[in-house]
Each structure stands twice: as C-alpha cells, then as structure tokens.
Amino acid sequence: MRILLAPMSDPGFLFPALAVGRELRRRGHQVTVAGRPGAAGVAEAAGLEFRPIGADEGFDAIRWYREGEAQYRAVREAARATGADALLTSVLCQGALPAAETLGLPVAVLGLATHLWPYASGGEGEPPQRSTREWRQDEMADRYRKLRADLGLAAQDEAAARRALLGDGFLLRGAAALEFPGAVLPEGVHQIGPCWWEPTAPEGELAALDERLARSGKPVVYVHLGRTFDHPSLWSWLARLFTGTPWQAVVELGRTPDLATDPSHRDLHAVRKPWMGPLLDRAELVLTNATTAPVLGALLHRRPLLVAPTGGEQLLLAAACLRAGIAHLLPDSPDSPDSPGGPAELLRAAATDPSVRARIDSLGRSMTDRQSAFQAADFVEKIAR
C-alpha cells in the first residue's frame, strides 16, 4: 500500500509520525512524508521518502488555526501525486481531514499524550481547569466547520464536526494512567503509546556537551521550555534554581526565542536540538511546562518530572502527571511558601522522591513494552484495506 504521512512539521508532531512510517516501510509499504522543506533532513534520516509542500508555513503548529486551507491544498496535491491509499496526520493539521474526505481516503490522526476533549463517560470528579474539555472541543469543531465553509464543502453540524476531528481513528500517545480515573474514551479514540523516534545525536556534539557539563560536575536537570500562553517565562525561575545551587541545567529552547543570559549563570546551558534522548540520559530530573514530548521522553527514560503548566494541553497533562504520582509541581514563584527549603531543596526533593521514581519506572516500562509504532501501523493498515 501507499501511505502518505502529513503531520505538522514541528518535531513533536513529525517524529511520532516518522516512527509509524518506519514500521509501515519495514512491512513493505511505500511511505512518503509531506512537510515543510526544513523537515527533509529528519525524514531522510528516518529512511523515508520526502515530498516538500508548497506552503512553507502551512504545517507550523504555532500557526495551525490560520493555515487550514494551505494544509488542505498541500495534502490533497501530495496524496494525488503519490497515489496514496491512506493518510496519517496529526492533531492541529485540520486541513488533512477534508483533503482525505474529498479524495475518499481513510485517515488516522496522531494525538497527544492525553485526551483533551470530553470523555464518553466518567470524569465527573475531575477538578475544573481554566479551559474546559468542552471549550477545547467546541473551539476546534468551530474552526473545522469554518474551514469547510471556506473550502466550499458541505456544512456539518456541531456533532458531525466533533466526530470528523477524530478521522477514522484518533491515536493517543500516552497511557490509561494519564487519563482521569474511571473515564471512558470516546468511540474512535485509541490508546497506543508514545510512537517514539528521533534522529541520532552526532558524537561530536555530545562530546562538546559533556565537556561543558564536566566543568562543574554538578548533577543535571533537563529543562524543556514550552509555550507560555502569555504567562511569564520560566527564565526567572531558572536563574534562581541554577545560580549558587548544587545543580546545573541543559535548557532546550524549542520554539522559545534565543535569550541573552547573564554570564554569571554558568550552570545554564541553552541548546536547540532535534533530539532529547541523550540529554535525558544525562539528567537526574526533567523540568517542563508539561507538553507531550518531554513528558513522554521522561517516562521512556525513567526520569522524574517537575512540571510548570501555563495553558493548553499543559494544564491537563500536568494534572495527569501529578495524579499518576510521576511529578512534583513547580511553585508559581521562587518566593512562594510552597518552596520553603529554597531552590536547591525543591530540585532535590523532586529528583529523589522514591515514590515518584518507583511510579515513573513502572509506567515507563509499561509504555516501552507496548510497541506503540507497531500498534499504530496495524491501525493504518486496517483502515487502508
């Protein structure tokens, strides 16, 4: 069969799709990746054929809500050119859904680590969040209905739009332990696991990093910055946590703009890498806003979490991590009464909590054993038949 991968081109969306694509290719299918030109290198590193799309910004997660029409045109053109029998896309790539519909193709959607929309049942005791599950789903469905109108496609009511967002199957990359206890996922939503893949880190870059870290010899915290949703950045916290304490940090900037740091902050090492596995291996603790990639990375590498959510998926995923006992919560402020022992004690407690370490080891092992890319490939084959 011919399978087209058309996820968002950001690593957190692209890399899990590549994991599934590699398994499909291993089974003998013809797999093509469509994405921004900048994604060509990692697609080729994964051993998959790459097809650049015309609209460079159409597959950028930070602009997802503006680019549905560009996604639609690019996916439809790529699917026609490759003779695709099925599509695999990612959440936020709404344009792929009407493209699949107009071409009569089945489509699977890779989701995040936890379900963000209403459950089929259960979950009544879940503490309220600033953004409710219903609000998130309604916003996505409304944007999808508007996209259909802009494309001149048949109108859908709210219920039909909600179902359409799931494609022919919506594949969550977390585990049941990250969902609210007793909640039942909607029909068409499946737990498959992380679908983890990333490019190999160059030995020279790792050697240079090790040399930097060895200068102080302090234990390492891996910090992964996410979107702040108009909240203050973690940088003020980081300056307190890693100045004059027994810790140093490797800070993955991700989509965060480069920031000038005080030269006295010798224990803050800012990087921007397409891989995190080797950084997690060197760390004792993971500090994150609680987005999917660093949380799954921490689980797979058995590293305890310190979470600092600000909005979006971060709120639900951080709550899930705390509920599952695999994380501590970073207080809102370095001067908060919730951190009476100061920054050094806060990090020590999060890194060494035996209960957290035991739970993250257990959950991480179960997720590793799930063979998630294999399960996802099974699902794509099933809908393509």
Protein backbone atom coordinates (compact mmCIF):
# COMPACT_ATOMS: atom_id res chain seq x y z
CA MET A 1 0.00 0.00 0.00
CA ARG A 2 0.96 3.64 -0.45
CA ILE A 3 0.79 5.67 2.75
CA LEU A 4 1.13 9.44 2.98
CA LEU A 5 2.33 10.94 6.26
CA ALA A 6 1.09 14.52 6.54
CA PRO A 7 1.61 15.67 10.15
CA MET A 8 2.59 19.11 11.35
CA SER A 9 6.32 19.57 10.66
CA ASP A 10 7.31 20.51 14.22
CA PRO A 11 9.36 17.72 15.87
CA GLY A 12 6.72 16.93 18.49
CA PHE A 13 4.24 16.06 15.74
CA LEU A 14 6.57 14.91 12.96
CA PHE A 15 8.76 12.47 14.88
CA PRO A 16 5.97 10.15 16.10
CA ALA A 17 4.56 10.03 12.57
CA LEU A 18 8.02 9.05 11.34
CA ALA A 19 8.10 6.25 13.93
CA VAL A 20 4.89 4.84 12.46
CA GLY A 21 6.12 5.42 8.91
CA ARG A 22 9.30 3.46 9.60
CA GLU A 23 7.27 0.49 10.81
CA LEU A 24 4.98 0.68 7.76
CA ARG A 25 8.01 0.80 5.47
CA ARG A 26 9.52 -2.20 7.29
CA ARG A 27 6.34 -4.07 6.39
CA GLY A 28 6.88 -3.33 2.72
CA HIS A 29 4.56 -0.36 2.22
CA GLN A 30 5.53 2.69 0.19
CA VAL A 31 5.66 5.61 2.63
CA THR A 32 6.01 9.29 1.73
CA VAL A 33 6.33 12.19 4.15
CA ALA A 34 4.87 15.57 3.18
CA GLY A 35 6.08 18.58 5.11
CA ARG A 36 7.92 21.88 5.24
CA PRO A 37 11.26 21.85 3.36
CA GLY A 38 13.11 22.09 6.66
CA ALA A 39 11.79 18.66 7.64
CA ALA A 40 13.53 16.91 4.75
CA GLY A 41 16.66 16.03 6.73
CA VAL A 42 14.91 14.22 9.56
CA ALA A 43 12.56 12.39 7.18
CA GLU A 44 15.56 11.15 5.23
CA ALA A 45 17.31 10.21 8.50
CA ALA A 46 14.27 8.08 9.24
CA GLY A 47 14.75 6.36 5.88
CA LEU A 48 11.56 7.72 4.34
CA GLU A 49 10.85 9.45 1.05
CA PHE A 50 10.14 13.15 1.47
CA ARG A 51 7.91 15.46 -0.54
CA PRO A 52 8.18 19.19 0.25
CA ILE A 53 4.93 21.10 0.34
CA GLY A 54 4.45 24.43 -1.38
CA ALA A 55 3.16 26.43 1.60
CA ASP A 56 6.11 26.64 3.99
CA GLU A 57 4.05 27.92 6.90
CA GLY A 58 1.07 25.60 6.44
CA PHE A 59 2.46 22.86 8.68
CA ASP A 60 3.72 25.08 11.52
CA ALA A 61 2.00 24.26 14.82
CA ILE A 62 2.10 27.83 16.07
CA ARG A 63 0.01 28.92 13.03
CA TRP A 64 -2.25 25.88 12.79
CA TYR A 65 -5.51 27.81 13.12
CA ARG A 66 -4.63 30.13 10.21
CA GLU A 67 -3.41 27.60 7.68
CA GLY A 68 -6.18 25.04 7.20
CA GLU A 69 -6.71 25.92 3.53
CA ALA A 70 -2.97 25.68 2.80
CA GLN A 71 -2.86 22.31 4.54
CA TYR A 72 -5.87 21.12 2.55
CA ARG A 73 -4.33 22.04 -0.80
CA ALA A 74 -0.90 20.63 0.08
CA VAL A 75 -2.21 17.31 1.40
CA ARG A 76 -4.62 16.83 -1.48
CA GLU A 77 -1.88 17.52 -4.03
CA ALA A 78 0.60 15.21 -2.27
CA ALA A 79 -1.96 12.41 -1.92
CA ARG A 80 -2.83 12.60 -5.61
CA ALA A 81 0.82 12.72 -6.67
CA THR A 82 1.76 9.69 -4.57
CA GLY A 83 -1.39 7.69 -5.26
CA ALA A 84 -1.95 7.36 -1.53
CA ASP A 85 -4.23 4.64 -0.20
CA ALA A 86 -4.37 6.14 3.31
CA LEU A 87 -3.24 9.19 5.27
CA LEU A 88 -1.64 9.60 8.67
CA THR A 89 -1.81 13.13 10.05
CA SER A 90 -1.60 14.82 13.44
CA VAL A 91 -3.90 16.79 15.67
CA LEU A 92 -3.92 20.51 14.64
CA CYS A 93 -3.48 19.59 10.97
CA GLN A 94 -7.17 20.12 10.26
CA GLY A 95 -6.71 20.64 6.53
CA ALA A 96 -5.74 16.99 6.09
CA LEU A 97 -9.22 15.86 7.15
CA PRO A 98 -11.26 17.45 4.32
CA ALA A 99 -8.45 16.55 1.91
CA ALA A 100 -8.91 12.89 2.82
CA GLU A 101 -12.69 13.26 2.60
CA THR A 102 -12.69 14.78 -0.88
CA LEU A 103 -10.32 12.08 -2.14
CA GLY A 104 -12.21 9.25 -0.46
CA LEU A 105 -9.19 8.21 1.61
CA PRO A 106 -9.13 6.86 5.17
CA VAL A 107 -7.17 8.98 7.65
CA ALA A 108 -5.71 8.27 11.08
CA VAL A 109 -4.88 11.14 13.44
CA LEU A 110 -1.97 11.03 15.89
CA GLY A 111 -2.93 12.80 19.09
CA LEU A 112 -1.05 13.90 22.20
CA ALA A 113 -0.20 12.14 25.45
CA THR A 114 -3.64 12.59 26.99
CA HIS A 115 -7.18 13.15 25.76
CA LEU A 116 -8.04 16.86 25.74
CA TRP A 117 -11.73 16.69 24.83
CA PRO A 118 -14.78 15.36 26.72
CA TYR A 119 -14.88 11.70 27.72
CA ALA A 120 -17.68 9.41 26.60
CA SER A 121 -18.49 8.87 30.27
CA GLY A 122 -16.88 9.23 33.67
CA GLY A 123 -14.58 12.03 34.70
CA GLU A 124 -17.26 13.85 36.69
CA GLY A 125 -14.94 14.43 39.63
CA GLU A 126 -12.16 15.99 37.58
CA PRO A 127 -11.09 19.35 39.04
CA PRO A 128 -12.03 22.30 36.78
CA GLN A 129 -9.38 23.87 34.54
CA ARG A 130 -9.21 27.38 33.11
CA SER A 131 -10.06 25.87 29.72
CA THR A 132 -12.63 23.09 29.90
CA ARG A 133 -12.61 19.97 27.75
CA GLU A 134 -15.90 21.09 26.21
CA TRP A 135 -14.49 24.52 25.34
CA ARG A 136 -11.44 22.97 23.66
CA GLN A 137 -13.57 20.63 21.58
CA ASP A 138 -16.07 23.33 20.63
CA GLU A 139 -13.29 25.68 19.54
CA MET A 140 -11.68 23.00 17.37
CA ALA A 141 -15.03 21.97 15.90
CA ASP A 142 -16.00 25.58 15.14
CA ARG A 143 -12.68 26.18 13.36
CA TYR A 144 -13.17 22.98 11.40
CA ARG A 145 -16.68 23.98 10.33
CA LYS A 146 -15.38 27.38 9.22
CA LEU A 147 -12.61 25.69 7.23
CA ARG A 148 -15.18 23.53 5.45
CA ALA A 149 -17.21 26.62 4.61
CA ASP A 150 -14.13 28.42 3.28
CA LEU A 151 -13.38 25.39 1.08
CA GLY A 152 -16.95 25.27 -0.24
CA LEU A 153 -17.64 21.84 1.29
CA ALA A 154 -20.95 20.65 2.68
CA ALA A 155 -21.84 22.14 6.04
CA GLN A 156 -21.68 19.96 9.15
CA ASP A 157 -23.47 20.39 12.44
CA GLU A 158 -21.51 20.56 15.69
CA ALA A 159 -21.81 16.84 16.43
CA ALA A 160 -20.63 15.83 12.95
CA ALA A 161 -17.68 18.20 13.16
CA ARG A 162 -16.65 16.73 16.51
CA ARG A 163 -16.69 13.24 15.01
CA ALA A 164 -14.77 14.40 11.94
CA LEU A 165 -11.90 15.68 14.11
CA LEU A 166 -11.17 12.05 15.07
CA GLY A 167 -10.69 10.92 11.47
CA ASP A 168 -11.11 7.16 11.05
CA GLY A 169 -9.22 6.75 14.31
CA PHE A 170 -7.61 9.08 16.82
CA LEU A 171 -4.43 7.60 18.31
CA LEU A 172 -3.40 8.86 21.74
CA ARG A 173 0.28 8.53 22.61
CA GLY A 174 0.02 8.27 26.39
CA ALA A 175 -1.41 5.58 28.64
CA ALA A 176 -4.56 4.87 30.62
CA ALA A 177 -2.74 6.03 33.76
CA LEU A 178 -2.66 9.56 32.31
CA GLU A 179 -6.45 9.74 31.90
CA PHE A 180 -8.84 10.65 34.70
CA PRO A 181 -9.71 7.56 36.79
CA GLY A 182 -12.92 5.90 35.67
CA ALA A 183 -13.23 7.96 32.48
CA VAL A 184 -14.11 6.21 29.22
CA LEU A 185 -12.59 7.42 25.96
CA PRO A 186 -14.98 8.24 23.09
CA GLU A 187 -15.58 5.73 20.32
CA GLY A 188 -12.80 6.03 17.76
CA VAL A 189 -10.15 7.15 20.27
CA HIS A 190 -7.44 4.57 20.96
CA GLN A 191 -4.52 4.41 23.41
CA ILE A 192 -1.44 3.21 21.52
CA GLY A 193 1.55 4.75 23.30
CA PRO A 194 4.38 7.16 22.51
CA CYS A 195 5.48 6.22 18.95
CA TRP A 196 8.95 7.46 19.86
CA TRP A 197 11.62 8.23 17.29
CA GLU A 198 14.25 10.94 16.96
CA PRO A 199 17.38 11.43 14.85
CA THR A 200 20.71 10.18 16.15
CA ALA A 201 22.75 12.77 18.01
CA PRO A 202 26.17 13.46 16.43
CA GLU A 203 29.01 12.17 18.60
CA GLY A 204 30.91 15.45 18.28
CA GLU A 205 28.01 17.46 19.68
CA LEU A 206 27.63 15.07 22.60
CA ALA A 207 31.35 15.23 23.37
CA ALA A 208 31.24 19.04 23.38
CA LEU A 209 28.21 18.99 25.68
CA ASP A 210 29.86 16.53 28.06
CA GLU A 211 32.91 18.77 28.24
CA ARG A 212 30.71 21.74 29.22
CA LEU A 213 28.84 19.75 31.86
CA ALA A 214 32.03 18.30 33.32
CA ARG A 215 33.40 21.73 34.15
CA SER A 216 31.15 21.95 37.19
CA GLY A 217 30.45 18.27 37.71
CA LYS A 218 27.04 19.11 39.19
CA PRO A 219 24.04 16.84 38.59
CA VAL A 220 21.98 17.85 35.55
CA VAL A 221 18.36 18.91 35.18
CA TYR A 222 16.94 18.76 31.65
CA VAL A 223 14.67 21.77 31.09
CA HIS A 224 12.29 21.76 28.12
CA LEU A 225 10.57 25.10 27.54
CA GLY A 226 7.10 25.15 26.02
CA ARG A 227 4.61 27.82 25.01
CA THR A 228 3.85 30.22 27.88
CA PHE A 229 0.31 31.38 26.89
CA ASP A 230 1.04 34.99 27.93
CA HIS A 231 2.38 33.83 31.30
CA PRO A 232 5.88 34.75 32.49
CA SER A 233 8.65 32.60 31.08
CA LEU A 234 10.49 30.13 33.29
CA TRP A 235 13.73 32.08 32.87
CA SER A 236 13.35 33.98 36.15
CA TRP A 237 12.81 30.66 37.91
CA LEU A 238 15.80 29.11 36.16
CA ALA A 239 18.14 31.88 37.28
CA ARG A 240 17.20 31.12 40.90
CA LEU A 241 17.28 27.34 40.53
CA PHE A 242 20.68 27.19 38.90
CA THR A 243 22.69 30.04 40.43
CA GLY A 244 24.66 29.07 43.51
CA THR A 245 22.89 25.72 43.90
CA PRO A 246 24.30 22.18 43.57
CA TRP A 247 22.62 21.76 40.16
CA GLN A 248 23.18 22.67 36.51
CA ALA A 249 20.66 22.66 33.65
CA VAL A 250 20.57 21.87 29.96
CA VAL A 251 17.77 24.09 28.65
CA GLU A 252 16.09 23.07 25.39
CA LEU A 253 14.74 26.28 23.91
CA GLY A 254 12.40 24.62 21.42
CA ARG A 255 10.30 27.39 19.85
CA THR A 256 11.40 29.88 22.54
CA PRO A 257 13.37 32.82 21.06
CA ASP A 258 17.06 32.96 21.88
CA LEU A 259 17.53 34.86 25.12
CA ALA A 260 20.65 36.58 26.38
CA THR A 261 21.58 35.14 29.76
CA ASP A 262 23.71 36.72 32.46
CA PRO A 263 27.32 35.46 32.14
CA SER A 264 27.19 34.62 35.84
CA HIS A 265 24.65 31.89 35.07
CA ARG A 266 27.39 29.41 34.27
CA ASP A 267 25.19 26.46 35.16
CA LEU A 268 22.55 27.22 32.49
CA HIS A 269 23.41 25.61 29.15
CA ALA A 270 20.92 26.64 26.43
CA VAL A 271 20.60 24.34 23.42
CA ARG A 272 18.30 23.86 20.45
CA LYS A 273 18.49 20.23 19.32
CA PRO A 274 16.26 17.91 17.26
CA TRP A 275 16.86 15.14 19.82
CA MET A 276 16.40 14.89 23.57
CA GLY A 277 17.20 11.26 24.42
CA PRO A 278 20.92 11.82 25.13
CA LEU A 279 20.04 14.90 27.20
CA LEU A 280 17.56 12.90 29.25
CA ASP A 281 20.17 10.20 29.79
CA ARG A 282 22.48 12.79 31.33
CA ALA A 283 19.79 14.26 33.60
CA GLU A 284 18.52 13.40 37.08
CA LEU A 285 15.28 15.37 36.65
CA VAL A 286 13.10 16.85 33.88
CA LEU A 287 11.62 20.33 34.34
CA THR A 288 8.97 21.12 31.75
CA ASN A 289 5.82 23.12 31.10
CA ALA A 290 4.25 19.66 30.58
CA THR A 291 3.95 19.24 26.84
CA THR A 292 3.72 15.79 25.31
CA ALA A 293 7.28 15.23 24.02
CA PRO A 294 9.25 15.93 27.23
CA VAL A 295 6.71 14.11 29.40
CA LEU A 296 6.85 11.00 27.20
CA GLY A 297 10.64 11.33 26.99
CA ALA A 298 10.89 11.45 30.78
CA LEU A 299 8.72 8.34 31.06
CA LEU A 300 10.68 6.37 28.48
CA HIS A 301 13.99 7.35 30.10
CA ARG A 302 12.65 6.84 33.65
CA ARG A 303 13.30 10.40 34.79
CA PRO A 304 11.13 12.12 37.44
CA LEU A 305 9.26 15.26 36.43
CA LEU A 306 8.92 18.77 37.80
CA VAL A 307 6.02 20.43 35.96
CA ALA A 308 5.12 24.10 35.45
CA PRO A 309 1.98 24.31 33.26
CA THR A 310 0.73 27.61 31.84
CA GLY A 311 -2.09 26.73 29.42
CA GLY A 312 -3.34 24.49 26.62
CA GLU A 313 -2.60 20.78 26.89
CA GLN A 314 -0.10 21.57 29.65
CA LEU A 315 -2.85 22.01 32.23
CA LEU A 316 -4.40 18.59 31.67
CA LEU A 317 -1.12 16.74 31.17
CA ALA A 318 0.49 18.28 34.26
CA ALA A 319 -2.59 17.34 36.30
CA ALA A 320 -2.36 13.82 34.89
CA CYS A 321 1.32 13.53 35.84
CA LEU A 322 0.65 14.75 39.38
CA ARG A 323 -2.33 12.42 39.74
CA ALA A 324 -0.26 9.47 38.49
CA GLY A 325 2.44 10.28 41.04
CA ILE A 326 5.23 10.78 38.48
CA ALA A 327 5.83 14.50 39.05
CA HIS A 328 6.20 17.35 41.52
CA LEU A 329 4.68 20.79 40.83
CA LEU A 330 6.93 23.85 40.46
CA PRO A 331 5.50 26.70 42.59
CA ASP A 332 4.35 29.83 40.77
CA SER A 333 7.16 31.94 42.20
CA PRO A 334 10.63 31.31 43.65
CA ASP A 335 9.38 33.17 46.75
CA SER A 336 6.28 31.00 47.14
CA PRO A 337 5.60 29.50 50.58
CA ASP A 338 5.30 26.18 48.71
CA SER A 339 9.12 26.10 48.40
CA PRO A 340 10.24 26.80 51.98
CA GLY A 341 13.54 24.98 51.57
CA GLY A 342 14.61 27.15 48.66
CA PRO A 343 15.52 26.21 45.08
CA ALA A 344 18.14 23.59 45.92
CA GLU A 345 15.79 21.66 48.20
CA LEU A 346 12.95 21.90 45.68
CA LEU A 347 15.10 20.25 43.00
CA ARG A 348 16.49 17.65 45.38
CA ALA A 349 13.02 16.66 46.57
CA ALA A 350 11.68 16.33 43.02
CA ALA A 351 14.70 14.36 41.80
CA THR A 352 14.96 11.91 44.68
CA ASP A 353 11.36 11.24 45.75
CA PRO A 354 11.35 7.41 45.96
CA SER A 355 7.60 7.17 45.33
CA VAL A 356 7.84 9.23 42.13
CA ARG A 357 10.85 7.24 40.94
CA ALA A 358 9.06 3.93 41.51
CA ARG A 359 5.92 5.04 39.70
CA ILE A 360 7.71 6.56 36.72
CA ASP A 361 9.81 3.42 36.39
CA SER A 362 6.70 1.23 36.38
CA LEU A 363 4.71 3.40 33.95
CA GLY A 364 7.74 3.96 31.72
CA ARG A 365 8.37 0.23 31.45
CA SER A 366 4.76 -0.48 30.54
CA MET A 367 4.84 2.18 27.81
CA THR A 368 8.10 0.83 26.39
CA ASP A 369 6.62 -2.67 26.25
CA ARG A 370 3.56 -1.56 24.26
CA GLN A 371 5.29 -1.48 20.85
CA SER A 372 3.27 1.61 20.02
CA ALA A 373 4.57 2.19 16.48
CA PHE A 374 3.67 -1.43 15.70
CA GLN A 375 0.12 -0.89 17.01
CA ALA A 376 -0.26 2.36 15.07
CA ALA A 377 0.94 0.69 11.87
CA ASP A 378 -1.59 -2.10 12.44
CA PHE A 379 -4.32 0.52 12.68
CA VAL A 380 -3.24 2.31 9.48
CA GLU A 381 -3.20 -1.00 7.62
CA LYS A 382 -6.66 -1.82 8.96
CA ILE A 383 -8.30 1.40 7.76
CA ALA A 384 -6.49 1.22 4.40
CA ARG A 385 -7.86 -2.21 3.48
